[in-house]
Amino acid sequence: PDPKGLFKIDETKQPPVFEYARPGDPPGER
């Protein structure tokens, strides 16, 4: 993970889906 990363991961989907993190998204790994 990279705190400056632009993507968040949705691991509820297989394979995982990486979506752009947006301002206001809850904190989490990027």
PDB file of all heavy atoms in Angstrom:
ATOM      1  N   PRO A   1       0.836  -1.211   0.000  1.00  0.00           N
ATOM      2  CA  PRO A   1       0.000   0.000   0.000  1.00  0.00           C
ATOM      3  C   PRO A   1       0.866   1.254   0.000  1.00  0.00           C
ATOM      4  O   PRO A   1       1.994   1.252   0.492  1.00  0.00           O
ATOM      5  CB  PRO A   1      -0.787  -0.112   1.308  1.00  0.00           C
ATOM      6  CG  PRO A   1      -0.755  -1.564   1.649  1.00  0.00           C
ATOM      7  CD  PRO A   1       0.558  -2.071   1.131  1.00  0.00           C
ATOM      8  N   ASP A   2       0.324   2.320  -0.565  1.00  0.00           N
ATOM      9  CA  ASP A   2       1.021   3.598  -0.671  1.00  0.00           C
ATOM     10  C   ASP A   2       0.050   4.688  -0.227  1.00  0.00           C
ATOM     11  O   ASP A   2      -0.992   4.867  -0.847  1.00  0.00           O
ATOM     12  CB  ASP A   2       1.440   3.826  -2.119  1.00  0.00           C
ATOM     13  CG  ASP A   2       2.085   5.171  -2.375  1.00  0.00           C
ATOM     14  OD1 ASP A   2       2.244   5.967  -1.427  1.00  0.00           O
ATOM     15  OD2 ASP A   2       2.438   5.429  -3.536  1.00  0.00           O
ATOM     16  N   PRO A   3       0.364   5.416   0.852  1.00  0.00           N
ATOM     17  CA  PRO A   3      -0.572   6.437   1.316  1.00  0.00           C
ATOM     18  C   PRO A   3      -0.887   7.496   0.254  1.00  0.00           C
ATOM     19  O   PRO A   3      -1.922   8.146   0.310  1.00  0.00           O
ATOM     20  CB  PRO A   3       0.110   7.063   2.525  1.00  0.00           C
ATOM     21  CG  PRO A   3       1.483   6.519   2.572  1.00  0.00           C
ATOM     22  CD  PRO A   3       1.578   5.347   1.636  1.00  0.00           C
ATOM     23  N   LYS A   4      -0.010   7.645  -0.746  1.00  0.00           N
ATOM     24  CA  LYS A   4      -0.261   8.607  -1.820  1.00  0.00           C
ATOM     25  C   LYS A   4      -0.918   7.944  -3.032  1.00  0.00           C
ATOM     26  O   LYS A   4      -1.123   8.587  -4.052  1.00  0.00           O
ATOM     27  CB  LYS A   4       1.047   9.267  -2.252  1.00  0.00           C
ATOM     28  CG  LYS A   4       1.675  10.104  -1.161  1.00  0.00           C
ATOM     29  CD  LYS A   4       2.980  10.698  -1.630  1.00  0.00           C
ATOM     30  CE  LYS A   4       3.637  11.464  -0.505  1.00  0.00           C
ATOM     31  NZ  LYS A   4       4.949  11.971  -0.900  1.00  0.00           N
ATOM     32  N   GLY A   5      -1.217   6.646  -2.931  1.00  0.00           N
ATOM     33  CA  GLY A   5      -1.809   5.914  -4.041  1.00  0.00           C
ATOM     34  C   GLY A   5      -3.161   6.486  -4.447  1.00  0.00           C
ATOM     35  O   GLY A   5      -3.895   7.034  -3.619  1.00  0.00           O
ATOM     36  N   LEU A   6      -3.489   6.353  -5.710  1.00  0.00           N
ATOM     37  CA  LEU A   6      -4.734   6.914  -6.238  1.00  0.00           C
ATOM     38  C   LEU A   6      -5.897   5.933  -6.226  1.00  0.00           C
ATOM     39  O   LEU A   6      -7.020   6.313  -6.510  1.00  0.00           O
ATOM     40  CB  LEU A   6      -4.508   7.384  -7.680  1.00  0.00           C
ATOM     41  CG  LEU A   6      -3.461   8.461  -7.885  1.00  0.00           C
ATOM     42  CD1 LEU A   6      -3.315   8.765  -9.371  1.00  0.00           C
ATOM     43  CD2 LEU A   6      -3.828   9.715  -7.118  1.00  0.00           C
ATOM     44  N   PHE A   7      -5.629   4.666  -5.902  1.00  0.00           N
ATOM     45  CA  PHE A   7      -6.663   3.641  -6.009  1.00  0.00           C
ATOM     46  C   PHE A   7      -6.977   3.021  -4.660  1.00  0.00           C
ATOM     47  O   PHE A   7      -6.087   2.806  -3.838  1.00  0.00           O
ATOM     48  CB  PHE A   7      -6.222   2.530  -6.973  1.00  0.00           C
ATOM     49  CG  PHE A   7      -6.066   2.996  -8.376  1.00  0.00           C
ATOM     50  CD1 PHE A   7      -4.863   3.506  -8.823  1.00  0.00           C
ATOM     51  CD2 PHE A   7      -7.132   2.954  -9.265  1.00  0.00           C
ATOM     52  CE1 PHE A   7      -4.706   3.949 -10.121  1.00  0.00           C
ATOM     53  CE2 PHE A   7      -6.988   3.395 -10.564  1.00  0.00           C
ATOM     54  CZ  PHE A   7      -5.774   3.897 -10.993  1.00  0.00           C
ATOM     55  N   LYS A   8      -8.243   2.715  -4.470  1.00  0.00           N
ATOM     56  CA  LYS A   8      -8.667   1.923  -3.318  1.00  0.00           C
ATOM     57  C   LYS A   8      -9.126   0.583  -3.875  1.00  0.00           C
ATOM     58  O   LYS A   8      -9.469   0.465  -5.056  1.00  0.00           O
ATOM     59  CB  LYS A   8      -9.792   2.613  -2.553  1.00  0.00           C
ATOM     60  CG  LYS A   8     -11.037   2.851  -3.382  1.00  0.00           C
ATOM     61  CD  LYS A   8     -12.092   3.606  -2.612  1.00  0.00           C
ATOM     62  CE  LYS A   8     -13.315   3.814  -3.516  1.00  0.00           C
ATOM     63  NZ  LYS A   8     -14.381   4.472  -2.831  1.00  0.00           N
ATOM     64  N   ILE A   9      -9.127  -0.421  -3.046  1.00  0.00           N
ATOM     65  CA  ILE A   9      -9.445  -1.767  -3.509  1.00  0.00           C
ATOM     66  C   ILE A   9     -10.789  -2.213  -2.937  1.00  0.00           C
ATOM     67  O   ILE A   9     -11.098  -1.961  -1.781  1.00  0.00           O
ATOM     68  CB  ILE A   9      -8.314  -2.741  -3.122  1.00  0.00           C
ATOM     69  CG1 ILE A   9      -8.536  -4.106  -3.739  1.00  0.00           C
ATOM     70  CG2 ILE A   9      -8.171  -2.858  -1.622  1.00  0.00           C
ATOM     71  CD1 ILE A   9      -7.357  -5.051  -3.591  1.00  0.00           C
ATOM     72  N   ASP A  10     -11.581  -2.843  -3.784  1.00  0.00           N
ATOM     73  CA  ASP A  10     -12.837  -3.451  -3.356  1.00  0.00           C
ATOM     74  C   ASP A  10     -12.620  -4.953  -3.392  1.00  0.00           C
ATOM     75  O   ASP A  10     -12.700  -5.585  -4.442  1.00  0.00           O
ATOM     76  CB  ASP A  10     -13.980  -3.038  -4.280  1.00  0.00           C
ATOM     77  CG  ASP A  10     -15.317  -3.614  -3.859  1.00  0.00           C
ATOM     78  OD1 ASP A  10     -15.338  -4.491  -2.958  1.00  0.00           O
ATOM     79  OD2 ASP A  10     -16.340  -3.209  -4.425  1.00  0.00           O
ATOM     80  N   GLU A  11     -12.298  -5.516  -2.234  1.00  0.00           N
ATOM     81  CA  GLU A  11     -11.982  -6.937  -2.164  1.00  0.00           C
ATOM     82  C   GLU A  11     -13.230  -7.810  -2.054  1.00  0.00           C
ATOM     83  O   GLU A  11     -13.113  -9.027  -1.987  1.00  0.00           O
ATOM     84  CB  GLU A  11     -11.040  -7.208  -1.004  1.00  0.00           C
ATOM     85  CG  GLU A  11      -9.671  -6.607  -1.231  1.00  0.00           C
ATOM     86  CD  GLU A  11      -8.707  -6.881  -0.109  1.00  0.00           C
ATOM     87  OE1 GLU A  11      -8.931  -6.357   0.997  1.00  0.00           O
ATOM     88  OE2 GLU A  11      -7.726  -7.609  -0.353  1.00  0.00           O
ATOM     89  N   THR A  12     -14.402  -7.202  -2.041  1.00  0.00           N
ATOM     90  CA  THR A  12     -15.622  -8.006  -2.015  1.00  0.00           C
ATOM     91  C   THR A  12     -15.864  -8.639  -3.372  1.00  0.00           C
ATOM     92  O   THR A  12     -16.677  -9.537  -3.495  1.00  0.00           O
ATOM     93  CB  THR A  12     -16.851  -7.178  -1.610  1.00  0.00           C
ATOM     94  OG1 THR A  12     -17.091  -6.168  -2.600  1.00  0.00           O
ATOM     95  CG2 THR A  12     -16.645  -6.525  -0.245  1.00  0.00           C
ATOM     96  N   LYS A  13     -15.166  -8.151  -4.385  1.00  0.00           N
ATOM     97  CA  LYS A  13     -15.302  -8.684  -5.747  1.00  0.00           C
ATOM     98  C   LYS A  13     -14.092  -9.544  -6.068  1.00  0.00           C
ATOM     99  O   LYS A  13     -12.995  -9.306  -5.573  1.00  0.00           O
ATOM    100  CB  LYS A  13     -15.429  -7.541  -6.742  1.00  0.00           C
ATOM    101  CG  LYS A  13     -16.646  -6.681  -6.470  1.00  0.00           C
ATOM    102  CD  LYS A  13     -16.731  -5.508  -7.388  1.00  0.00           C
ATOM    103  CE  LYS A  13     -17.952  -4.675  -7.033  1.00  0.00           C
ATOM    104  NZ  LYS A  13     -17.961  -3.399  -7.658  1.00  0.00           N
ATOM    105  N   GLN A  14     -14.279 -10.555  -6.883  1.00  0.00           N
ATOM    106  CA  GLN A  14     -13.174 -11.414  -7.308  1.00  0.00           C
ATOM    107  C   GLN A  14     -13.136 -11.463  -8.820  1.00  0.00           C
ATOM    108  O   GLN A  14     -14.135 -11.818  -9.430  1.00  0.00           O
ATOM    109  CB  GLN A  14     -13.331 -12.830  -6.736  1.00  0.00           C
ATOM    110  CG  GLN A  14     -13.016 -12.904  -5.269  1.00  0.00           C
ATOM    111  CD  GLN A  14     -11.594 -12.477  -4.946  1.00  0.00           C
ATOM    112  OE1 GLN A  14     -10.653 -12.788  -5.672  1.00  0.00           O
ATOM    113  NE2 GLN A  14     -11.439 -11.735  -3.877  1.00  0.00           N
ATOM    114  N   PRO A  15     -12.036 -11.116  -9.471  1.00  0.00           N
ATOM    115  CA  PRO A  15     -10.839 -10.589  -8.842  1.00  0.00           C
ATOM    116  C   PRO A  15     -11.104  -9.215  -8.231  1.00  0.00           C
ATOM    117  O   PRO A  15     -12.104  -8.572  -8.554  1.00  0.00           O
ATOM    118  CB  PRO A  15      -9.841 -10.502  -9.998  1.00  0.00           C
ATOM    119  CG  PRO A  15     -10.663 -10.388 -11.223  1.00  0.00           C
ATOM    120  CD  PRO A  15     -11.928 -11.128 -10.939  1.00  0.00           C
ATOM    121  N   PRO A  16     -10.196  -8.755  -7.360  1.00  0.00           N
ATOM    122  CA  PRO A  16     -10.394  -7.453  -6.721  1.00  0.00           C
ATOM    123  C   PRO A  16     -10.540  -6.339  -7.760  1.00  0.00           C
ATOM    124  O   PRO A  16      -9.934  -6.390  -8.824  1.00  0.00           O
ATOM    125  CB  PRO A  16      -9.114  -7.245  -5.909  1.00  0.00           C
ATOM    126  CG  PRO A  16      -8.487  -8.590  -5.790  1.00  0.00           C
ATOM    127  CD  PRO A  16      -8.944  -9.387  -6.957  1.00  0.00           C
ATOM    128  N   VAL A  17     -11.338  -5.344  -7.435  1.00  0.00           N
ATOM    129  CA  VAL A  17     -11.530  -4.196  -8.318  1.00  0.00           C
ATOM    130  C   VAL A  17     -10.875  -2.976  -7.674  1.00  0.00           C
ATOM    131  O   VAL A  17     -11.086  -2.698  -6.496  1.00  0.00           O
ATOM    132  CB  VAL A  17     -13.033  -3.937  -8.573  1.00  0.00           C
ATOM    133  CG1 VAL A  17     -13.235  -2.645  -9.359  1.00  0.00           C
ATOM    134  CG2 VAL A  17     -13.655  -5.115  -9.315  1.00  0.00           C
ATOM    135  N   PHE A  18     -10.070  -2.269  -8.462  1.00  0.00           N
ATOM    136  CA  PHE A  18      -9.398  -1.059  -7.997  1.00  0.00           C
ATOM    137  C   PHE A  18     -10.142   0.134  -8.570  1.00  0.00           C
ATOM    138  O   PHE A  18     -10.288   0.258  -9.782  1.00  0.00           O
ATOM    139  CB  PHE A  18      -7.934  -1.052  -8.458  1.00  0.00           C
ATOM    140  CG  PHE A  18      -7.095  -2.076  -7.749  1.00  0.00           C
ATOM    141  CD1 PHE A  18      -7.094  -3.393  -8.160  1.00  0.00           C
ATOM    142  CD2 PHE A  18      -6.330  -1.706  -6.662  1.00  0.00           C
ATOM    143  CE1 PHE A  18      -6.325  -4.343  -7.511  1.00  0.00           C
ATOM    144  CE2 PHE A  18      -5.556  -2.653  -5.999  1.00  0.00           C
ATOM    145  CZ  PHE A  18      -5.557  -3.969  -6.427  1.00  0.00           C
ATOM    146  N   GLU A  19     -10.604   0.992  -7.688  1.00  0.00           N
ATOM    147  CA  GLU A  19     -11.346   2.189  -8.098  1.00  0.00           C
ATOM    148  C   GLU A  19     -10.571   3.414  -7.645  1.00  0.00           C
ATOM    149  O   GLU A  19      -9.853   3.366  -6.649  1.00  0.00           O
ATOM    150  CB  GLU A  19     -12.723   2.192  -7.432  1.00  0.00           C
ATOM    151  CG  GLU A  19     -13.546   0.968  -7.774  1.00  0.00           C
ATOM    152  CD  GLU A  19     -14.811   0.874  -6.936  1.00  0.00           C
ATOM    153  OE1 GLU A  19     -14.863   1.450  -5.829  1.00  0.00           O
ATOM    154  OE2 GLU A  19     -15.748   0.218  -7.401  1.00  0.00           O
ATOM    155  N   TYR A  20     -10.754   4.520  -8.367  1.00  0.00           N
ATOM    156  CA  TYR A  20     -10.116   5.756  -7.934  1.00  0.00           C
ATOM    157  C   TYR A  20     -10.641   6.146  -6.565  1.00  0.00           C
ATOM    158  O   TYR A  20     -11.850   6.114  -6.317  1.00  0.00           O
ATOM    159  CB  TYR A  20     -10.397   6.904  -8.919  1.00  0.00           C
ATOM    160  CG  TYR A  20      -9.473   6.915 -10.103  1.00  0.00           C
ATOM    161  CD1 TYR A  20      -9.925   6.534 -11.356  1.00  0.00           C
ATOM    162  CD2 TYR A  20      -8.153   7.299  -9.976  1.00  0.00           C
ATOM    163  CE1 TYR A  20      -9.078   6.527 -12.453  1.00  0.00           C
ATOM    164  CE2 TYR A  20      -7.292   7.300 -11.056  1.00  0.00           C
ATOM    165  CZ  TYR A  20      -7.766   6.922 -12.281  1.00  0.00           C
ATOM    166  OH  TYR A  20      -6.921   6.916 -13.362  1.00  0.00           O
ATOM    167  N   ALA A  21      -9.727   6.501  -5.673  1.00  0.00           N
ATOM    168  CA  ALA A  21     -10.114   7.022  -4.367  1.00  0.00           C
ATOM    169  C   ALA A  21     -10.518   8.486  -4.565  1.00  0.00           C
ATOM    170  O   ALA A  21      -9.892   9.211  -5.335  1.00  0.00           O
ATOM    171  CB  ALA A  21      -8.953   6.911  -3.386  1.00  0.00           C
ATOM    172  N   ARG A  22     -11.577   8.879  -3.911  1.00  0.00           N
ATOM    173  CA  ARG A  22     -12.072  10.251  -4.051  1.00  0.00           C
ATOM    174  C   ARG A  22     -11.932  10.992  -2.737  1.00  0.00           C
ATOM    175  O   ARG A  22     -11.968  10.375  -1.679  1.00  0.00           O
ATOM    176  CB  ARG A  22     -13.534  10.225  -4.467  1.00  0.00           C
ATOM    177  CG  ARG A  22     -13.743   9.557  -5.791  1.00  0.00           C
ATOM    178  CD  ARG A  22     -15.224   9.329  -6.045  1.00  0.00           C
ATOM    179  NE  ARG A  22     -15.374   8.433  -7.178  1.00  0.00           N
ATOM    180  CZ  ARG A  22     -15.766   8.832  -8.375  1.00  0.00           C
ATOM    181  NH1 ARG A  22     -16.058  10.076  -8.604  1.00  0.00           N
ATOM    182  NH2 ARG A  22     -15.867   7.960  -9.349  1.00  0.00           N
ATOM    183  N   PRO A  23     -11.805  12.317  -2.801  1.00  0.00           N
ATOM    184  CA  PRO A  23     -11.776  13.075  -1.556  1.00  0.00           C
ATOM    185  C   PRO A  23     -13.043  12.759  -0.758  1.00  0.00           C
ATOM    186  O   PRO A  23     -14.128  12.643  -1.301  1.00  0.00           O
ATOM    187  CB  PRO A  23     -11.773  14.541  -2.013  1.00  0.00           C
ATOM    188  CG  PRO A  23     -11.257  14.494  -3.414  1.00  0.00           C
ATOM    189  CD  PRO A  23     -11.703  13.169  -3.982  1.00  0.00           C
ATOM    190  N   GLY A  24     -12.888  12.576   0.534  1.00  0.00           N
ATOM    191  CA  GLY A  24     -14.030  12.268   1.373  1.00  0.00           C
ATOM    192  C   GLY A  24     -14.270  10.782   1.558  1.00  0.00           C
ATOM    193  O   GLY A  24     -15.089  10.389   2.386  1.00  0.00           O
ATOM    194  N   ASP A  25     -13.558   9.925   0.779  1.00  0.00           N
ATOM    195  CA  ASP A  25     -13.682   8.484   1.002  1.00  0.00           C
ATOM    196  C   ASP A  25     -13.139   8.162   2.389  1.00  0.00           C
ATOM    197  O   ASP A  25     -12.219   8.827   2.871  1.00  0.00           O
ATOM    198  CB  ASP A  25     -12.868   7.694  -0.028  1.00  0.00           C
ATOM    199  CG  ASP A  25     -13.591   7.532  -1.348  1.00  0.00           C
ATOM    200  OD1 ASP A  25     -14.788   7.853  -1.425  1.00  0.00           O
ATOM    201  OD2 ASP A  25     -12.940   7.084  -2.315  1.00  0.00           O
ATOM    202  N   PRO A  26     -13.690   7.141   3.030  1.00  0.00           N
ATOM    203  CA  PRO A  26     -13.150   6.769   4.342  1.00  0.00           C
ATOM    204  C   PRO A  26     -11.684   6.372   4.220  1.00  0.00           C
ATOM    205  O   PRO A  26     -11.255   5.902   3.171  1.00  0.00           O
ATOM    206  CB  PRO A  26     -14.002   5.589   4.774  1.00  0.00           C
ATOM    207  CG  PRO A  26     -14.833   5.210   3.612  1.00  0.00           C
ATOM    208  CD  PRO A  26     -14.755   6.288   2.592  1.00  0.00           C
ATOM    209  N   PRO A  27     -10.938   6.587   5.286  1.00  0.00           N
ATOM    210  CA  PRO A  27      -9.522   6.208   5.227  1.00  0.00           C
ATOM    211  C   PRO A  27      -9.386   4.711   4.988  1.00  0.00           C
ATOM    212  O   PRO A  27     -10.254   3.927   5.347  1.00  0.00           O
ATOM    213  CB  PRO A  27      -8.968   6.601   6.589  1.00  0.00           C
ATOM    214  CG  PRO A  27     -10.115   6.986   7.429  1.00  0.00           C
ATOM    215  CD  PRO A  27     -11.323   7.104   6.571  1.00  0.00           C
ATOM    216  N   GLY A  28      -8.308   4.348   4.397  1.00  0.00           N
ATOM    217  CA  GLY A  28      -8.030   2.941   4.115  1.00  0.00           C
ATOM    218  C   GLY A  28      -6.793   2.833   3.267  1.00  0.00           C
ATOM    219  O   GLY A  28      -6.197   3.845   2.904  1.00  0.00           O
ATOM    220  N   GLU A  29      -6.414   1.624   2.968  1.00  0.00           N
ATOM    221  CA  GLU A  29      -5.221   1.422   2.156  1.00  0.00           C
ATOM    222  C   GLU A  29      -5.444   1.943   0.750  1.00  0.00           C
ATOM    223  O   GLU A  29      -6.521   1.802   0.183  1.00  0.00           O
ATOM    224  CB  GLU A  29      -4.876  -0.068   2.102  1.00  0.00           C
ATOM    225  CG  GLU A  29      -4.390  -0.608   3.412  1.00  0.00           C
ATOM    226  CD  GLU A  29      -3.973  -2.056   3.318  1.00  0.00           C
ATOM    227  OE1 GLU A  29      -4.538  -2.807   2.501  1.00  0.00           O
ATOM    228  OE2 GLU A  29      -3.070  -2.432   4.077  1.00  0.00           O
ATOM    229  N   ARG A  30      -4.406   2.545   0.202  1.00  0.00           N
ATOM    230  CA  ARG A  30      -4.414   3.034  -1.166  1.00  0.00           C
ATOM    231  C   ARG A  30      -3.293   2.327  -1.921  1.00  0.00           C
ATOM    232  O   ARG A  30      -2.287   1.924  -1.344  1.00  0.00           O
ATOM    233  CB  ARG A  30      -4.192   4.547  -1.216  1.00  0.00           C
ATOM    234  CG  ARG A  30      -5.225   5.355  -0.458  1.00  0.00           C
ATOM    235  CD  ARG A  30      -6.573   5.297  -1.160  1.00  0.00           C
ATOM    236  NE  ARG A  30      -7.539   6.179  -0.546  1.00  0.00           N
ATOM    237  CZ  ARG A  30      -8.586   5.762   0.154  1.00  0.00           C
ATOM    238  NH1 ARG A  30      -8.786   4.487   0.357  1.00  0.00           N
ATOM    239  NH2 ARG A  30      -9.436   6.618   0.655  1.00  0.00           N
TER     240      ARG A  30
END
